[in-house]
Amino acid sequence: MSLEKAEHLWSHLHWLTVLAQHGSYTAAAQRLGVSKAAMSQHISELERAAGVPLVQRTTRSVRLTEAGQRLVDGLREPFERIAQGFASVRDLAEVPVGRVRVTAPVAFARQQLVPRIADFLREHPGIRIELDLSDRLSSLATEGFDLAIRHTAAPPDTHVAWTLCRTRSVLVASRAYLRRRGTPAAPHDLAGHDCLHYPRAQDTPAWHFQPAEGRRKTNAPRFTVAVSGPFGANNSEALREAAIAGLGIALLPDFSAQAALRAGKLVEVLPDWQAVGTFSDHLYAIRPYASHVPRAVSVFVAWLREALAEGFPLRP
């Protein structure tokens, strides 16, 4: 094949690499901002030019043939260099520009990130944020995310991580529930209460406590309490709403409890004790390691660190 003819297929080759990443014509088309029909046509044209099948189509997904995989493997590094080179040129502009694809936990994004994001976009009109709200731990490289916000105890060693802020877990209940059932005075009292829990792998839900920071002694022991209640959910917003409705005592991350506590819809329970082990105590911004970080991503991370530096105080 002549170089002139091959030049007309460069976009086709890029589309094949995106298809390989996503394993689906629909997902790849969405990533590229094109129709599924255009995606399929480009791959068919590339196969005709190559003279061999590059993709095996099934009812649910697509897989590369041996020839297709060999082609994608050879293209990965050149396309990465092209992307990095273009990003470095764009970064020469005085005003940061570009798209930043971000994935973040549902509750945190809805309650803390989205209400703040307008300030960032007004300050940086050349940057576009595409936000994916998901509690699933996405593969950043495979799914094309520039950044992930993670509520985790230990960010992966294979990624670059920036600490955004500390967080803590807090026990909350409505005043109506506490009037009806009484207020616990110590962690072991929770065994006699309706506790709204986040389901984990263990059969019997349990919460772990140690004295709060101001009361904590060196090597202070932890107390474990088996809890039960009428409702559990794998989303802190759902637990918060159940607590507001008076169903019981909920253990929440502070970023989920903050607004309801400040509004008086919930009150803190056992403030002299700190729940540990259920939720992480840090929020991180994480991205795959790369020799060049686009300026738009760096600017967004810097803004996140400043915007969240104080964490989530439970009182004004």
Protein backbone atom coordinates (compact mmCIF):
# COMPACT_ATOMS: atom_id res chain seq x y z
CA MET A 1 0.00 0.00 0.00
CA SER A 2 1.35 3.42 -0.95
CA LEU A 3 2.00 6.07 1.72
CA GLU A 4 -0.54 8.36 0.05
CA LYS A 5 -3.27 5.73 0.35
CA ALA A 6 -2.29 4.87 3.91
CA GLU A 7 -2.60 8.51 4.95
CA HIS A 8 -6.32 8.37 4.21
CA LEU A 9 -6.67 5.53 6.75
CA TRP A 10 -5.00 7.22 9.71
CA SER A 11 -8.32 8.17 11.29
CA HIS A 12 -9.56 4.63 10.63
CA LEU A 13 -6.55 3.26 12.52
CA HIS A 14 -7.25 5.51 15.48
CA TRP A 15 -10.87 4.39 15.56
CA LEU A 16 -9.71 0.76 15.64
CA THR A 17 -7.58 1.45 18.72
CA VAL A 18 -10.58 3.05 20.45
CA LEU A 19 -12.73 0.04 19.51
CA ALA A 20 -10.09 -2.24 21.00
CA GLN A 21 -10.17 -0.26 24.26
CA HIS A 22 -13.95 -0.38 24.65
CA GLY A 23 -14.84 -3.74 23.08
CA SER A 24 -18.10 -2.36 21.74
CA TYR A 25 -19.09 -0.37 18.63
CA THR A 26 -21.62 1.59 20.67
CA ALA A 27 -19.17 2.55 23.44
CA ALA A 28 -16.40 3.38 20.96
CA ALA A 29 -18.75 5.56 18.91
CA GLN A 30 -19.83 7.43 22.05
CA ARG A 31 -16.18 8.00 23.00
CA LEU A 32 -15.41 9.42 19.55
CA GLY A 33 -18.65 11.40 19.27
CA VAL A 34 -19.74 9.65 16.05
CA SER A 35 -22.58 7.36 15.06
CA LYS A 36 -22.38 3.59 15.41
CA ALA A 37 -22.95 3.29 11.66
CA ALA A 38 -19.96 5.55 10.90
CA MET A 39 -17.85 3.50 13.30
CA SER A 40 -18.79 0.25 11.58
CA GLN A 41 -18.17 1.74 8.12
CA HIS A 42 -14.68 2.94 9.05
CA ILE A 43 -13.69 -0.47 10.38
CA SER A 44 -15.06 -2.21 7.28
CA GLU A 45 -13.09 0.15 5.03
CA LEU A 46 -9.95 -0.54 7.04
CA GLU A 47 -10.46 -4.30 6.73
CA ARG A 48 -10.89 -4.03 2.97
CA ALA A 49 -7.68 -2.02 2.70
CA ALA A 50 -5.81 -4.49 4.95
CA GLY A 51 -7.14 -7.51 3.08
CA VAL A 52 -7.75 -9.48 6.30
CA PRO A 53 -10.43 -9.45 9.01
CA LEU A 54 -9.45 -7.26 11.95
CA VAL A 55 -12.53 -7.65 14.15
CA GLN A 56 -14.62 -10.63 15.22
CA ARG A 57 -18.20 -9.53 15.80
CA THR A 58 -20.54 -11.22 18.30
CA THR A 59 -24.03 -10.35 19.48
CA ARG A 60 -22.72 -8.65 22.65
CA SER A 61 -19.21 -7.43 21.93
CA VAL A 62 -16.35 -7.36 19.48
CA ARG A 63 -12.92 -8.95 19.69
CA LEU A 64 -9.85 -8.31 17.60
CA THR A 65 -8.49 -11.00 15.33
CA GLU A 66 -4.80 -11.85 15.57
CA ALA A 67 -4.14 -9.40 12.74
CA GLY A 68 -6.24 -6.71 14.40
CA GLN A 69 -4.48 -7.15 17.75
CA ARG A 70 -1.05 -7.01 16.10
CA LEU A 71 -2.05 -3.79 14.36
CA VAL A 72 -3.37 -2.19 17.56
CA ASP A 73 -0.30 -3.23 19.56
CA GLY A 74 1.92 -1.52 17.01
CA LEU A 75 -0.19 1.64 17.03
CA ARG A 76 -0.51 2.12 20.79
CA GLU A 77 2.82 3.85 21.42
CA PRO A 78 2.74 6.12 18.32
CA PHE A 79 -0.77 7.33 19.11
CA GLU A 80 0.21 7.97 22.74
CA ARG A 81 3.14 10.09 21.54
CA ILE A 82 0.85 12.01 19.19
CA ALA A 83 -1.64 12.69 22.01
CA GLN A 84 1.10 13.82 24.38
CA GLY A 85 2.71 16.01 21.72
CA PHE A 86 -0.57 17.70 20.90
CA ALA A 87 -1.38 18.17 24.59
CA SER A 88 2.00 19.80 25.21
CA VAL A 89 1.41 22.24 22.33
CA ARG A 90 -2.06 23.13 23.62
CA ASP A 91 -0.55 23.77 27.03
CA LEU A 92 1.46 26.64 25.53
CA ALA A 93 -1.74 28.66 25.39
CA GLU A 94 -2.13 31.22 28.16
CA VAL A 95 -5.64 29.99 28.88
CA PRO A 96 -5.90 26.24 29.71
CA VAL A 97 -8.19 24.44 27.29
CA GLY A 98 -9.39 20.90 26.75
CA ARG A 99 -11.72 18.20 27.98
CA VAL A 100 -11.20 16.49 31.34
CA ARG A 101 -13.05 13.18 31.80
CA VAL A 102 -13.60 12.54 35.51
CA THR A 103 -15.16 9.63 37.39
CA ALA A 104 -16.29 10.15 40.99
CA PRO A 105 -18.42 8.39 43.65
CA VAL A 106 -22.13 9.11 43.29
CA ALA A 107 -22.82 10.60 46.73
CA PHE A 108 -19.69 12.74 46.83
CA ALA A 109 -20.20 14.03 43.29
CA ARG A 110 -23.87 14.93 43.78
CA GLN A 111 -23.46 16.56 47.18
CA GLN A 112 -20.03 18.17 47.06
CA LEU A 113 -18.53 18.30 43.57
CA VAL A 114 -21.42 19.32 41.31
CA PRO A 115 -22.51 22.27 43.52
CA ARG A 116 -18.94 23.65 43.26
CA ILE A 117 -18.20 22.91 39.61
CA ALA A 118 -19.86 26.06 38.21
CA ASP A 119 -17.23 28.20 39.96
CA PHE A 120 -14.43 26.27 38.26
CA LEU A 121 -16.01 26.45 34.80
CA ARG A 122 -16.61 30.18 35.09
CA GLU A 123 -12.97 30.64 36.05
CA HIS A 124 -11.73 28.39 33.22
CA PRO A 125 -14.10 28.75 30.25
CA GLY A 126 -11.73 26.86 27.94
CA ILE A 127 -12.02 23.63 29.95
CA ARG A 128 -14.87 21.14 29.60
CA ILE A 129 -15.61 18.67 32.38
CA GLU A 130 -17.26 15.33 31.58
CA LEU A 131 -18.30 13.74 34.87
CA ASP A 132 -19.13 10.06 35.31
CA LEU A 133 -20.98 9.35 38.57
CA SER A 134 -20.28 5.80 39.60
CA ASP A 135 -19.33 3.85 42.73
CA ARG A 136 -17.75 1.23 40.49
CA LEU A 137 -13.94 1.37 40.44
CA SER A 138 -13.41 2.11 36.75
CA SER A 139 -10.23 1.29 34.87
CA LEU A 140 -8.99 4.76 34.00
CA ALA A 141 -6.76 3.72 31.11
CA THR A 142 -9.25 1.29 29.55
CA GLU A 143 -12.28 3.57 29.84
CA GLY A 144 -10.52 6.77 28.85
CA PHE A 145 -10.78 8.76 32.08
CA ASP A 146 -8.22 11.48 32.78
CA LEU A 147 -8.91 11.54 36.50
CA ALA A 148 -10.71 9.61 39.22
CA ILE A 149 -11.81 10.90 42.60
CA ARG A 150 -11.59 8.01 45.02
CA HIS A 151 -12.64 7.61 48.65
CA THR A 152 -10.04 5.01 49.53
CA ALA A 153 -7.50 4.08 52.18
CA ALA A 154 -4.71 3.32 49.72
CA PRO A 155 -4.53 4.61 46.12
CA PRO A 156 -3.04 2.12 43.63
CA ASP A 157 0.75 2.15 43.30
CA THR A 158 0.43 2.14 39.51
CA HIS A 159 -1.21 5.59 39.50
CA VAL A 160 -0.31 9.12 40.54
CA ALA A 161 -2.39 10.28 43.51
CA TRP A 162 -2.99 13.71 45.04
CA THR A 163 -4.53 13.96 48.50
CA LEU A 164 -7.60 16.19 48.36
CA CYS A 165 -8.67 16.19 52.01
CA ARG A 166 -9.31 14.12 55.09
CA THR A 167 -12.75 12.69 55.76
CA ARG A 168 -14.34 10.92 58.70
CA SER A 169 -17.33 8.71 59.38
CA VAL A 170 -20.15 10.03 61.55
CA LEU A 171 -23.14 8.43 63.29
CA VAL A 172 -26.40 10.29 62.72
CA ALA A 173 -30.09 9.97 63.50
CA SER A 174 -33.22 12.10 63.40
CA ARG A 175 -34.49 13.75 66.56
CA ALA A 176 -37.77 11.88 66.14
CA TYR A 177 -36.01 8.53 66.20
CA LEU A 178 -33.96 9.44 69.30
CA ARG A 179 -37.08 10.65 71.13
CA ARG A 180 -38.77 7.37 70.33
CA ARG A 181 -35.88 4.98 71.05
CA GLY A 182 -33.51 6.93 73.28
CA THR A 183 -29.99 8.23 72.66
CA PRO A 184 -27.08 5.76 72.87
CA ALA A 185 -24.49 6.69 75.51
CA ALA A 186 -21.76 4.27 74.38
CA PRO A 187 -21.03 2.09 71.32
CA HIS A 188 -22.37 -1.11 72.94
CA ASP A 189 -25.80 0.57 73.24
CA LEU A 190 -26.10 0.37 69.45
CA ALA A 191 -26.83 -3.35 69.73
CA GLY A 192 -30.31 -2.41 70.95
CA HIS A 193 -31.00 0.10 68.16
CA ASP A 194 -32.10 0.03 64.53
CA CYS A 195 -28.84 0.61 62.63
CA LEU A 196 -28.86 1.50 58.95
CA HIS A 197 -25.78 -0.10 57.47
CA TYR A 198 -23.72 -0.26 54.31
CA PRO A 199 -23.70 -3.96 53.28
CA ARG A 200 -20.27 -5.59 53.22
CA ALA A 201 -19.04 -9.09 52.61
CA GLN A 202 -19.56 -10.32 56.17
CA ASP A 203 -22.86 -11.96 57.11
CA THR A 204 -23.29 -9.91 60.30
CA PRO A 205 -22.81 -6.14 59.92
CA ALA A 206 -20.44 -4.68 62.50
CA TRP A 207 -19.21 -1.18 63.30
CA HIS A 208 -15.85 -0.42 64.87
CA PHE A 209 -15.12 2.49 67.23
CA GLN A 210 -12.30 4.13 69.10
CA PRO A 211 -12.36 7.25 71.31
CA ALA A 212 -12.55 10.49 69.32
CA GLU A 213 -9.27 12.27 68.64
CA GLY A 214 -9.46 14.61 71.63
CA ARG A 215 -10.10 11.70 74.03
CA ARG A 216 -7.85 9.13 72.40
CA LYS A 217 -4.88 7.67 74.25
CA THR A 218 -1.88 5.99 72.67
CA ASN A 219 -2.81 2.49 71.45
CA ALA A 220 -6.44 3.04 72.40
CA PRO A 221 -8.39 -0.24 71.87
CA ARG A 222 -11.11 -0.54 69.28
CA PHE A 223 -14.62 -1.62 70.16
CA THR A 224 -16.62 -3.73 67.71
CA VAL A 225 -20.41 -3.80 67.83
CA ALA A 226 -22.60 -6.15 65.80
CA VAL A 227 -25.48 -4.10 64.43
CA SER A 228 -28.80 -4.82 62.75
CA GLY A 229 -31.69 -2.83 61.41
CA PRO A 230 -34.56 -2.72 58.95
CA PHE A 231 -32.62 -1.17 56.07
CA GLY A 232 -29.22 -1.37 54.38
CA ALA A 233 -27.97 0.22 51.17
CA ASN A 234 -24.72 0.51 49.26
CA ASN A 235 -25.19 4.25 48.82
CA SER A 236 -24.70 6.80 51.58
CA GLU A 237 -27.38 9.13 50.19
CA ALA A 238 -29.96 6.35 50.56
CA LEU A 239 -28.84 5.71 54.15
CA ARG A 240 -29.00 9.43 54.92
CA GLU A 241 -32.56 9.73 53.61
CA ALA A 242 -33.61 6.66 55.61
CA ALA A 243 -32.14 8.25 58.75
CA ILE A 244 -33.97 11.53 58.07
CA ALA A 245 -37.18 9.50 57.74
CA GLY A 246 -36.59 8.17 61.25
CA LEU A 247 -35.78 4.56 60.36
CA GLY A 248 -32.73 4.37 62.59
CA ILE A 249 -29.11 5.37 63.21
CA ALA A 250 -26.89 5.59 60.12
CA LEU A 251 -23.12 5.60 59.71
CA LEU A 252 -22.19 8.02 56.93
CA PRO A 253 -19.15 9.72 55.43
CA ASP A 254 -19.02 13.33 56.56
CA PHE A 255 -19.53 14.61 53.00
CA SER A 256 -22.93 12.85 52.93
CA ALA A 257 -24.00 13.91 56.41
CA GLN A 258 -22.82 17.53 56.28
CA ALA A 259 -25.84 19.27 54.73
CA ALA A 260 -28.44 17.38 56.78
CA LEU A 261 -26.57 18.05 60.04
CA ARG A 262 -26.21 21.76 59.28
CA ALA A 263 -29.91 21.98 58.40
CA GLY A 264 -30.93 20.25 61.63
CA LYS A 265 -32.52 17.30 59.83
CA LEU A 266 -30.08 14.96 61.59
CA VAL A 267 -28.05 15.13 64.79
CA GLU A 268 -24.74 13.49 65.57
CA VAL A 269 -24.81 10.40 67.77
CA LEU A 270 -21.90 9.36 70.04
CA PRO A 271 -19.76 12.42 69.20
CA ASP A 272 -17.08 11.28 71.69
CA TRP A 273 -16.46 8.14 69.63
CA GLN A 274 -14.95 7.81 66.16
CA ALA A 275 -16.20 5.10 63.80
CA VAL A 276 -13.30 3.48 61.93
CA GLY A 277 -12.89 0.96 59.17
CA THR A 278 -16.21 1.32 57.37
CA PHE A 279 -15.30 4.25 55.12
CA SER A 280 -11.91 5.63 54.21
CA ASP A 281 -10.43 8.69 55.90
CA HIS A 282 -9.09 10.38 52.74
CA LEU A 283 -10.26 11.56 49.34
CA TYR A 284 -7.76 11.34 46.47
CA ALA A 285 -7.52 12.51 42.89
CA ILE A 286 -5.93 9.71 40.87
CA ARG A 287 -4.67 9.50 37.29
CA PRO A 288 -2.68 6.95 35.33
CA TYR A 289 1.05 7.61 35.31
CA ALA A 290 2.19 9.58 32.25
CA SER A 291 5.27 11.61 31.44
CA HIS A 292 3.05 14.55 30.46
CA VAL A 293 -0.02 15.71 32.38
CA PRO A 294 -2.32 17.94 30.30
CA ARG A 295 -2.54 21.43 31.72
CA ALA A 296 -6.34 21.25 31.95
CA VAL A 297 -6.01 18.21 34.24
CA SER A 298 -3.35 19.89 36.40
CA VAL A 299 -5.48 23.04 36.73
CA PHE A 300 -8.53 21.00 37.72
CA VAL A 301 -6.59 19.02 40.34
CA ALA A 302 -5.15 22.24 41.81
CA TRP A 303 -8.67 23.69 42.04
CA LEU A 304 -10.00 20.52 43.69
CA ARG A 305 -7.26 20.60 46.31
CA GLU A 306 -8.01 24.23 47.16
CA ALA A 307 -11.80 23.83 47.07
CA LEU A 308 -11.76 20.79 49.37
CA ALA A 309 -8.81 21.71 51.58
CA GLU A 310 -10.96 22.21 54.69
CA GLY A 311 -12.73 18.89 54.29
CA PHE A 312 -16.39 18.78 55.32
CA PRO A 313 -16.99 20.53 58.67
CA LEU A 314 -20.23 19.35 60.23
CA ARG A 315 -21.01 22.76 61.74
CA PRO A 316 -20.95 26.18 60.02
